C-alpha atoms as a PDB file:
ATOM      1  CA  MET A   1     109.435 125.925 137.417  1.00  0.00           C
ATOM      2  CA  ALA A   2     106.027 127.450 137.061  1.00  0.00           C
ATOM      3  CA  LYS A   3     107.395 130.294 134.641  1.00  0.00           C
ATOM      4  CA  LYS A   4     109.435 128.158 132.070  1.00  0.00           C
ATOM      5  CA  LYS A   5     106.400 125.894 132.161  1.00  0.00           C
ATOM      6  CA  GLN A   6     103.944 128.508 130.925  1.00  0.00           C
ATOM      7  CA  THR A   7     107.195 129.689 128.564  1.00  0.00           C
ATOM      8  CA  GLU A   8     106.698 126.721 126.835  1.00  0.00           C
ATOM      9  CA  ILE A   9     103.325 126.844 126.604  1.00  0.00           C
ATOM     10  CA  GLU A  10     103.500 130.209 125.230  1.00  0.00           C
ATOM     11  CA  LYS A  11     106.232 129.282 122.640  1.00  0.00           C
ATOM     12  CA  ASN A  12     103.750 126.306 121.289  1.00  0.00           C
ATOM     13  CA  ASP A  13     100.826 128.889 121.032  1.00  0.00           C
ATOM     14  CA  ARG A  14     103.250 131.207 118.849  1.00  0.00           C
ATOM     15  CA  ASP A  15     104.144 128.222 116.810  1.00  0.00           C
ATOM     16  CA  ILE A  16     100.575 126.965 116.435  1.00  0.00           C
ATOM     17  CA  GLU A  17      99.623 130.640 115.176  1.00  0.00           C
ATOM     18  CA  GLN A  18     101.993 130.875 112.931  1.00  0.00           C
ATOM     19  CA  PHE A  19     101.494 127.828 111.111  1.00  0.00           C
ATOM     20  CA  LEU A  20      97.614 128.959 111.056  1.00  0.00           C
ATOM     21  CA  LYS A  21      98.580 132.206 109.213  1.00  0.00           C
ATOM     22  CA  THR A  22     101.175 130.548 106.670  1.00  0.00           C
ATOM     23  CA  ASN A  23      98.781 127.637 106.146  1.00  0.00           C
ATOM     24  CA  ASP A  24      95.471 129.444 105.280  1.00  0.00           C
ATOM     25  CA  ALA A  25      92.414 127.165 105.427  1.00  0.00           C
ATOM     26  CA  ASN A  26      90.996 128.445 102.031  1.00  0.00           C
ATOM     27  CA  ALA A  27      94.657 128.057 100.519  1.00  0.00           C
ATOM     28  CA  PRO A  28      94.591 124.777  97.718  1.00  0.00           C
ATOM     29  CA  HIS A  29      96.337 122.173  99.509  1.00  0.00           C
ATOM     30  CA  TYR A  30      97.614 118.570  97.285  1.00  0.00           C
ATOM     31  CA  PHE A  31      93.608 117.591  96.679  1.00  0.00           C
ATOM     32  CA  LYS A  32      91.569 116.519  98.992  1.00  0.00           C
ATOM     33  CA  ALA A  33      89.893 113.202  99.307  1.00  0.00           C
ATOM     34  CA  PRO A  34      92.010 111.198  96.491  1.00  0.00           C
ATOM     35  CA  VAL A  35      89.951 108.303  96.947  1.00  0.00           C
ATOM     36  CA  PRO A  36      86.478 108.034  98.140  1.00  0.00           C
ATOM     37  CA  LEU A  37      86.024 106.846 102.039  1.00  0.00           C
ATOM     38  CA  ALA A  38      83.335 104.329 100.438  1.00  0.00           C
ATOM     39  CA  ASP A  39      86.238 103.092  97.896  1.00  0.00           C
ATOM     40  CA  LEU A  40      88.584 102.625 100.702  1.00  0.00           C
ATOM     41  CA  ARG A  41      86.719 100.582 102.715  1.00  0.00           C
ATOM     42  CA  LYS A  42      85.809  98.765  99.776  1.00  0.00           C
ATOM     43  CA  PHE A  43      89.297  98.147  98.947  1.00  0.00           C
ATOM     44  CA  LYS A  44      90.127  97.279 102.887  1.00  0.00           C
ATOM     45  CA  THR A  45      87.856  94.143 102.449  1.00  0.00           C
ATOM     46  CA  GLU A  46      89.195  93.059  99.380  1.00  0.00           C
ATOM     47  CA  LEU A  47      92.347  93.306 100.989  1.00  0.00           C
ATOM     48  CA  GLU A  48      91.322  91.471 104.277  1.00  0.00           C
ATOM     49  CA  ASP A  49      89.884  88.495 101.470  1.00  0.00           C
ATOM     50  CA  ILE A  50      92.780  87.857  99.893  1.00  0.00           C
ATOM     51  CA  LEU A  51      95.099  87.551 103.015  1.00  0.00           C
ATOM     52  CA  HIS A  52      92.772  85.703 104.599  1.00  0.00           C
ATOM     53  CA  LYS A  53      92.860  83.095 101.519  1.00  0.00           C
ATOM     54  CA  THR A  54      96.479  83.350 101.568  1.00  0.00           C
ATOM     55  CA  GLU A  55      96.602  82.771 105.179  1.00  0.00           C
ATOM     56  CA  CYS A  56      94.443  79.367 104.842  1.00  0.00           C
ATOM     57  CA  GLU A  57      96.277  78.363 101.363  1.00  0.00           C
ATOM     58  CA  LEU A  58      99.757  78.625 103.224  1.00  0.00           C
ATOM     59  CA  GLY A  59      98.665  77.206 106.265  1.00  0.00           C
ATOM     60  CA  ASP A  60      97.444  73.974 103.871  1.00  0.00           C
ATOM     61  CA  VAL A  61     100.851  73.337 103.336  1.00  0.00           C
ATOM     62  CA  ASP A  62     102.209  73.939 106.987  1.00  0.00           C
ATOM     63  CA  PHE A  63     103.604  77.168 106.134  1.00  0.00           C
ATOM     64  CA  GLN A  64     105.228  79.711 108.971  1.00  0.00           C
ATOM     65  CA  LEU A  65     106.136  83.287 108.726  1.00  0.00           C
ATOM     66  CA  MET A  66     109.787  83.479 109.595  1.00  0.00           C
ATOM     67  CA  THR A  67     111.568  85.475 111.738  1.00  0.00           C
ATOM     68  CA  ASP A  68     114.649  87.909 111.383  1.00  0.00           C
ATOM     69  CA  ALA A  69     117.167  85.840 112.232  1.00  0.00           C
ATOM     70  CA  GLN A  70     115.925  82.797 109.667  1.00  0.00           C
ATOM     71  CA  ARG A  71     115.516  85.710 106.539  1.00  0.00           C
ATOM     72  CA  ARG A  72     119.052  86.911 107.486  1.00  0.00           C
ATOM     73  CA  ARG A  73     120.557  82.782 107.055  1.00  0.00           C
ATOM     74  CA  LEU A  74     118.799  82.590 103.494  1.00  0.00           C
ATOM     75  CA  MET A  75     120.351  83.800 100.118  1.00  0.00           C
ATOM     76  CA  GLY A  76     117.127  84.935  98.312  1.00  0.00           C
ATOM     77  CA  SER A  77     116.854  86.254  94.824  1.00  0.00           C
ATOM     78  CA  GLY A  78     118.101  89.530  94.284  1.00  0.00           C
ATOM     79  CA  ILE A  79     118.061  91.191  90.627  1.00  0.00           C
ATOM     80  CA  ARG A  80     121.864  89.576  90.338  1.00  0.00           C
ATOM     81  CA  ARG A  81     120.872  86.323  91.818  1.00  0.00           C
ATOM     82  CA  LEU A  82     118.190  85.977  89.391  1.00  0.00           C
ATOM     83  CA  GLY A  83     119.960  86.443  86.434  1.00  0.00           C
ATOM     84  CA  PHE A  84     122.116  83.707  87.658  1.00  0.00           C
ATOM     85  CA  ILE A  85     119.241  81.873  88.192  1.00  0.00           C
ATOM     86  CA  VAL A  86     117.244  81.987  84.805  1.00  0.00           C
ATOM     87  CA  LYS A  87     120.672  81.968  82.551  1.00  0.00           C
ATOM     88  CA  THR A  88     121.574  78.434  84.851  1.00  0.00           C
ATOM     89  CA  GLY A  89     118.301  77.444  83.685  1.00  0.00           C
ATOM     90  CA  GLU A  90     118.878  78.072  80.417  1.00  0.00           C
ATOM     91  CA  MET A  91     122.324  76.429  80.433  1.00  0.00           C
ATOM     92  CA  ILE A  92     120.179  73.084  81.790  1.00  0.00           C
ATOM     93  CA  LEU A  93     118.256  73.475  78.476  1.00  0.00           C
ATOM     94  CA  ASN A  94     121.368  73.876  76.083  1.00  0.00           C
ATOM     95  CA  PHE A  95     123.943  71.625  77.838  1.00  0.00           C
ATOM     96  CA  PRO A  96     122.071  68.731  79.683  1.00  0.00           C
ATOM     97  CA  ASP A  97     124.852  66.647  79.889  1.00  0.00           C
ATOM     98  CA  TYR A  98     126.654  68.643  82.776  1.00  0.00           C
ATOM     99  CA  LYS A  99     123.220  68.852  85.036  1.00  0.00           C
ATOM    100  CA  PRO A 100     123.585  66.114  88.309  1.00  0.00           C
ATOM    101  CA  PRO A 101     121.387  63.313  88.596  1.00  0.00           C
ATOM    102  CA  PHE A 102     119.609  64.509  91.137  1.00  0.00           C
ATOM    103  CA  LEU A 103     118.759  67.979  89.549  1.00  0.00           C
ATOM    104  CA  ASP A 104     115.042  67.615  88.379  1.00  0.00           C
ATOM    105  CA  GLU A 105     114.505  70.017  85.696  1.00  0.00           C
ATOM    106  CA  SER A 106     111.061  70.658  85.690  1.00  0.00           C
ATOM    107  CA  ASP A 107     111.361  71.417  89.217  1.00  0.00           C
ATOM    108  CA  PHE A 108     114.018  73.919  88.905  1.00  0.00           C
ATOM    109  CA  GLN A 109     111.808  75.306  86.485  1.00  0.00           C
ATOM    110  CA  ASP A 110     109.229  75.393  88.492  1.00  0.00           C
ATOM    111  CA  GLN A 111     110.986  77.328  91.011  1.00  0.00           C
ATOM    112  CA  VAL A 112     111.915  79.932  88.721  1.00  0.00           C
ATOM    113  CA  ASP A 113     108.723  81.012  87.199  1.00  0.00           C
ATOM    114  CA  GLU A 114     107.676  81.067  91.064  1.00  0.00           C
ATOM    115  CA  ILE A 115     110.203  83.483  91.821  1.00  0.00           C
ATOM    116  CA  ILE A 116     109.150  85.646  88.859  1.00  0.00           C
ATOM    117  CA  GLU A 117     105.725  86.057  89.730  1.00  0.00           C
ATOM    118  CA  THR A 118     106.515  86.558  93.491  1.00  0.00           C
ATOM    119  CA  ARG A 119     108.881  88.982  92.679  1.00  0.00           C
ATOM    120  CA  THR A 120     106.108  90.958  89.778  1.00  0.00           C
ATOM    121  CA  ILE A 121     103.628  90.623  93.151  1.00  0.00           C
ATOM    122  CA  THR A 122     106.146  92.266  95.146  1.00  0.00           C
ATOM    123  CA  VAL A 123     106.619  95.362  92.757  1.00  0.00           C
ATOM    124  CA  TYR A 124     102.590  95.626  92.578  1.00  0.00           C
ATOM    125  CA  LEU A 125     102.411  95.417  96.400  1.00  0.00           C
ATOM    126  CA  GLU A 126     105.382  98.190  96.608  1.00  0.00           C
ATOM    127  CA  GLN A 127     103.444 100.419  94.525  1.00  0.00           C
ATOM    128  CA  LEU A 128     100.505 100.084  96.936  1.00  0.00           C
ATOM    129  CA  LEU A 129     101.900 100.666  99.518  1.00  0.00           C
ATOM    130  CA  ARG A 130     103.714 104.045  97.717  1.00  0.00           C
ATOM    131  CA  ILE A 131     100.270 105.247  96.807  1.00  0.00           C
ATOM    132  CA  TYR A 132      97.892 104.498 100.003  1.00  0.00           C
ATOM    133  CA  THR A 133     101.367 106.075 101.913  1.00  0.00           C
ATOM    134  CA  ASP A 134     100.594 109.126 100.111  1.00  0.00           C
ATOM    135  CA  ILE A 135      97.392 109.206 100.921  1.00  0.00           C
ATOM    136  CA  LEU A 136      97.724 108.301 104.301  1.00  0.00           C
ATOM    137  CA  LEU A 137      99.753 111.455 104.505  1.00  0.00           C
ATOM    138  CA  ILE A 138      97.383 113.587 102.690  1.00  0.00           C
ATOM    139  CA  ALA A 139      94.684 112.856 104.654  1.00  0.00           C
ATOM    140  CA  GLY A 140      96.947 113.445 108.112  1.00  0.00           C
ATOM    141  CA  ASP A 141      97.840 116.558 106.752  1.00  0.00           C
ATOM    142  CA  GLU A 142      94.312 117.674 106.333  1.00  0.00           C
ATOM    143  CA  ALA A 143      93.221 116.461 109.335  1.00  0.00           C
ATOM    144  CA  PHE A 144      95.495 118.016 111.563  1.00  0.00           C
ATOM    145  CA  ARG A 145      95.123 121.490 110.381  1.00  0.00           C
ATOM    146  CA  MET A 146      91.595 121.198 110.754  1.00  0.00           C
ATOM    147  CA  ALA A 147      91.953 119.792 114.829  1.00  0.00           C
ATOM    148  CA  LEU A 148      94.435 123.159 114.883  1.00  0.00           C
ATOM    149  CA  MET A 149      91.660 125.392 113.553  1.00  0.00           C
ATOM    150  CA  TYR A 150      89.641 123.717 116.485  1.00  0.00           C
ATOM    151  CA  TYR A 151      92.290 123.911 118.802  1.00  0.00           C
ATOM    152  CA  ALA A 152      92.837 127.554 118.244  1.00  0.00           C
ATOM    153  CA  SER A 153      89.319 128.454 118.579  1.00  0.00           C
ATOM    154  CA  VAL A 154      88.950 126.751 121.961  1.00  0.00           C
ATOM    155  CA  ARG A 155      92.187 128.420 123.108  1.00  0.00           C
ATOM    156  CA  ASP A 156      90.715 131.742 122.287  1.00  0.00           C
ATOM    157  CA  ALA A 157      87.327 131.012 123.978  1.00  0.00           C
ATOM    158  CA  SER A 158      89.615 129.421 127.020  1.00  0.00           C
ATOM    159  CA  ARG A 159      91.230 133.054 127.455  1.00  0.00           C
ATOM    160  CA  ARG A 160      87.982 134.967 127.241  1.00  0.00           C
ATOM    161  CA  GLY A 161      86.556 133.149 129.955  1.00  0.00           C
ATOM    162  CA  VAL A 162      83.976 130.964 128.253  1.00  0.00           C
ATOM    163  CA  PRO A 163      82.412 128.063 130.793  1.00  0.00           C
ATOM    164  CA  GLY A 164      83.824 125.058 130.077  1.00  0.00           C
ATOM    165  CA  ALA A 165      86.460 125.815 127.694  1.00  0.00           C
ATOM    166  CA  GLN A 166      89.363 126.054 129.709  1.00  0.00           C
ATOM    167  CA  ALA A 167      88.766 122.325 130.783  1.00  0.00           C
ATOM    168  CA  VAL A 168      88.435 120.925 126.637  1.00  0.00           C
ATOM    169  CA  PHE A 169      91.460 123.294 126.422  1.00  0.00           C
ATOM    170  CA  ARG A 170      93.573 121.539 128.552  1.00  0.00           C
ATOM    171  CA  VAL A 171      93.072 118.167 127.623  1.00  0.00           C
ATOM    172  CA  LEU A 172      93.969 119.567 124.152  1.00  0.00           C
ATOM    173  CA  GLN A 173      97.101 121.254 125.172  1.00  0.00           C
ATOM    174  CA  ALA A 174      98.451 117.976 126.714  1.00  0.00           C
ATOM    175  CA  PHE A 175      99.355 116.877 123.013  1.00  0.00           C
ATOM    176  CA  PHE A 176     101.648 119.603 122.444  1.00  0.00           C
ATOM    177  CA  ARG A 177     103.837 119.580 125.945  1.00  0.00           C
ATOM    178  CA  ARG A 178     107.568 118.265 125.459  1.00  0.00           C
ATOM    179  CA  GLY A 179     108.782 115.822 127.637  1.00  0.00           C
ATOM    180  CA  LYS A 180     111.142 115.728 130.280  1.00  0.00           C
ATOM    181  CA  ARG A 181     115.043 116.781 129.058  1.00  0.00           C
ATOM    182  CA  THR A 182     117.613 114.398 131.144  1.00  0.00           C
ATOM    183  CA  GLY A 183     121.055 115.697 131.548  1.00  0.00           C
ATOM    184  CA  GLU A 184     122.599 112.387 129.802  1.00  0.00           C
ATOM    185  CA  GLU A 185     125.158 113.025 127.491  1.00  0.00           C
ATOM    186  CA  PRO A 186     125.170 111.915 123.892  1.00  0.00           C
ATOM    187  CA  THR A 187     127.123 108.832 122.437  1.00  0.00           C
ATOM    188  CA  ILE A 188     128.558 109.321 119.200  1.00  0.00           C
ATOM    189  CA  PRO A 189     126.322 106.172 117.973  1.00  0.00           C
ATOM    190  CA  GLU A 190     123.045 108.095 119.268  1.00  0.00           C
ATOM    191  CA  LEU A 191     124.014 111.291 117.580  1.00  0.00           C
ATOM    192  CA  GLU A 192     124.667 109.521 114.355  1.00  0.00           C
ATOM    193  CA  ARG A 193     121.450 107.397 114.661  1.00  0.00           C
ATOM    194  CA  ASP A 194     119.921 110.948 115.185  1.00  0.00           C
ATOM    195  CA  VAL A 195     121.386 112.795 112.263  1.00  0.00           C
ATOM    196  CA  HIS A 196     120.373 109.933 109.854  1.00  0.00           C
ATOM    197  CA  ALA A 197     116.798 109.810 111.254  1.00  0.00           C
ATOM    198  CA  LEU A 198     116.352 113.659 110.494  1.00  0.00           C
ATOM    199  CA  LEU A 199     117.911 113.227 106.767  1.00  0.00           C
ATOM    200  CA  GLN A 200     115.817 110.589 105.900  1.00  0.00           C
ATOM    201  CA  HIS A 201     112.295 112.038 107.544  1.00  0.00           C
ATOM    202  CA  ARG A 202     111.853 109.053 110.115  1.00  0.00           C
ATOM    203  CA  LYS A 203     112.312 111.746 113.296  1.00  0.00           C
ATOM    204  CA  ASP A 204     111.225 114.849 113.924  1.00  0.00           C
ATOM    205  CA  GLY A 205     113.387 117.429 115.704  1.00  0.00           C
ATOM    206  CA  LYS A 206     116.940 119.141 115.348  1.00  0.00           C
ATOM    207  CA  ILE A 207     120.654 118.972 116.171  1.00  0.00           C
ATOM    208  CA  VAL A 208     122.493 121.971 117.176  1.00  0.00           C
ATOM    209  CA  ILE A 209     126.129 122.048 117.003  1.00  0.00           C
ATOM    210  CA  GLU A 210     127.769 125.802 118.310  1.00  0.00           C
ATOM    211  CA  GLY A 211     131.224 126.276 118.334  1.00  0.00           C
ATOM    212  CA  SER A 212     133.740 128.863 119.188  1.00  0.00           C
ATOM    213  CA  ALA A 213     136.255 130.257 116.574  1.00  0.00           C
ATOM    214  CA  LYS A 214     139.926 128.846 116.541  1.00  0.00           C
ATOM    215  CA  HIS A 215     142.807 130.017 118.950  1.00  0.00           C
ATOM    216  CA  THR A 216     145.821 129.192 119.538  1.00  0.00           C
ATOM    217  CA  THR A 217     145.007 127.826 123.231  1.00  0.00           C
ATOM    218  CA  ALA A 218     141.672 125.627 122.765  1.00  0.00           C
ATOM    219  CA  GLY A 219     138.118 125.790 121.416  1.00  0.00           C
ATOM    220  CA  GLU A 220     135.085 124.342 122.647  1.00  0.00           C
ATOM    221  CA  LEU A 221     132.018 122.500 120.332  1.00  0.00           C
ATOM    222  CA  GLU A 222     128.416 122.314 122.165  1.00  0.00           C
ATOM    223  CA  ILE A 223     126.222 119.617 120.610  1.00  0.00           C
ATOM    224  CA  ILE A 224     122.423 120.127 121.160  1.00  0.00           C
ATOM    225  CA  ASP A 225     120.209 117.016 120.302  1.00  0.00           C
ATOM    226  CA  GLU A 226     116.905 117.876 120.238  1.00  0.00           C
ATOM    227  CA  THR A 227     115.457 114.879 118.102  1.00  0.00           C
ATOM    228  CA  ALA A 228     112.463 113.839 119.339  1.00  0.00           C
ATOM    229  CA  LYS A 229     112.656 110.481 121.554  1.00  0.00           C
ATOM    230  CA  PRO A 230     111.541 108.623 124.789  1.00  0.00           C
ATOM    231  CA  LYS A 231     114.380 110.004 126.605  1.00  0.00           C
ATOM    232  CA  GLY A 232     114.360 113.834 125.205  1.00  0.00           C
ATOM    233  CA  ALA A 233     117.332 115.199 124.296  1.00  0.00           C
ATOM    234  CA  PHE A 234     120.993 115.019 124.929  1.00  0.00           C
ATOM    235  CA  LYS A 235     124.007 117.858 125.011  1.00  0.00           C
ATOM    236  CA  GLU A 236     127.425 117.178 125.065  1.00  0.00           C
ATOM    237  CA  THR A 237     130.671 119.701 125.515  1.00  0.00           C
ATOM    238  CA  ILE A 238     133.690 118.277 123.908  1.00  0.00           C
ATOM    239  CA  GLN A 239     137.477 120.601 124.136  1.00  0.00           C
ATOM    240  CA  GLY A 240     139.661 120.794 121.907  1.00  0.00           C
ATOM    241  CA  THR A 241     143.347 122.003 121.406  1.00  0.00           C
ATOM    242  CA  ILE A 242     144.156 123.954 118.371  1.00  0.00           C
ATOM    243  CA  CYS A 243     147.884 123.735 116.706  1.00  0.00           C
ATOM    244  CA  PRO A 244     149.444 127.277 116.268  1.00  0.00           C
ATOM    245  CA  GLN A 245     151.333 125.638 113.356  1.00  0.00           C
ATOM    246  CA  CYS A 246     148.663 123.990 110.994  1.00  0.00           C
ATOM    247  CA  GLY A 247     145.517 125.194 112.602  1.00  0.00           C
ATOM    248  CA  ALA A 248     144.185 121.609 113.192  1.00  0.00           C
ATOM    249  CA  GLU A 249     141.863 120.703 115.535  1.00  0.00           C
ATOM    250  CA  ASN A 250     143.227 117.956 118.359  1.00  0.00           C
ATOM    251  CA  VAL A 251     141.859 116.431 121.213  1.00  0.00           C
ATOM    252  CA  GLU A 252     141.776 117.747 124.935  1.00  0.00           C
ATOM    253  CA  HIS A 253     145.273 117.141 126.428  1.00  0.00           C
ATOM    254  CA  ALA A 254     146.896 115.919 123.169  1.00  0.00           C
ATOM    255  CA  ARG A 255     151.024 116.735 123.794  1.00  0.00           C
ATOM    256  CA  PHE A 256     150.909 116.424 119.912  1.00  0.00           C
ATOM    257  CA  CYS A 257     149.750 117.479 116.402  1.00  0.00           C
ATOM    258  CA  ILE A 258     147.932 114.625 114.575  1.00  0.00           C
ATOM    259  CA  GLN A 259     148.220 116.393 111.409  1.00  0.00           C
ATOM    260  CA  CYS A 260     151.941 118.375 111.574  1.00  0.00           C
ATOM    261  CA  GLY A 261     153.881 116.837 114.783  1.00  0.00           C
ATOM    262  CA  GLN A 262     153.973 120.236 116.297  1.00  0.00           C
ATOM    263  CA  LYS A 263     154.458 120.215 119.976  1.00  0.00           C
ATOM    264  CA  LEU A 264     151.144 121.240 121.380  1.00  0.00           C
ATOM    265  CA  GLN A 265     151.097 124.249 124.273  1.00  0.00           C
ATOM    266  CA  ALA A 266     149.745 122.845 127.116  1.00  0.00           C
ATOM    267  CA  VAL A 267     145.545 123.712 128.340  1.00  0.00           C
END
């Protein structure tokens, strides 16, 4: 166990050394300090004021944030529905004879205007969110590079036996230790979720699929899921039968090929 742990630590050290080599501190990055810190703090204060004012105004009309279930029950107004709503407003103006007596034309138009203004605000907020998300990523990248440089320095000092360096190194080293793995096998939904998460850059990790070449008897497929998650990694082995007629792969113990109907040899 101690040898395995030491091997993992050495691998982490090699990964960090490779990162520092390929990401020179003097190499140009995207850009540093895209927004001055003073401006960030000022903008944060302004946003807090806007949020507080909005909450106070909504509180006056007894507005409460909806739950996810409540939100799903509402139809909303996407692009297509908004077009229908706007066109209906035009029809009401041009053909008022078909308007139900309980439908107030001015109230309806106020709702339409409120939708348009609110949608515009959400577009601005989404653009702001994208901008500041990028700023957050850039700042995080720069800070992580600097932290790795300090980590490499204190690691070297620890190896040279500098007094006090080993204690500092152990504190920082804990962030590079991987969680314990379990022997639990992955389900298909779990694998699908991990694949989508990796493709959409929502998780770190990798999924390795290893399989033997097709034979006339059986093949073996090994799936190793090393996606970062609380439960660690998953591992699964699936065996199947290869059809000698068409080469299609069938589930284990299948009697007939699902592709051509050929009788399969028992494994």
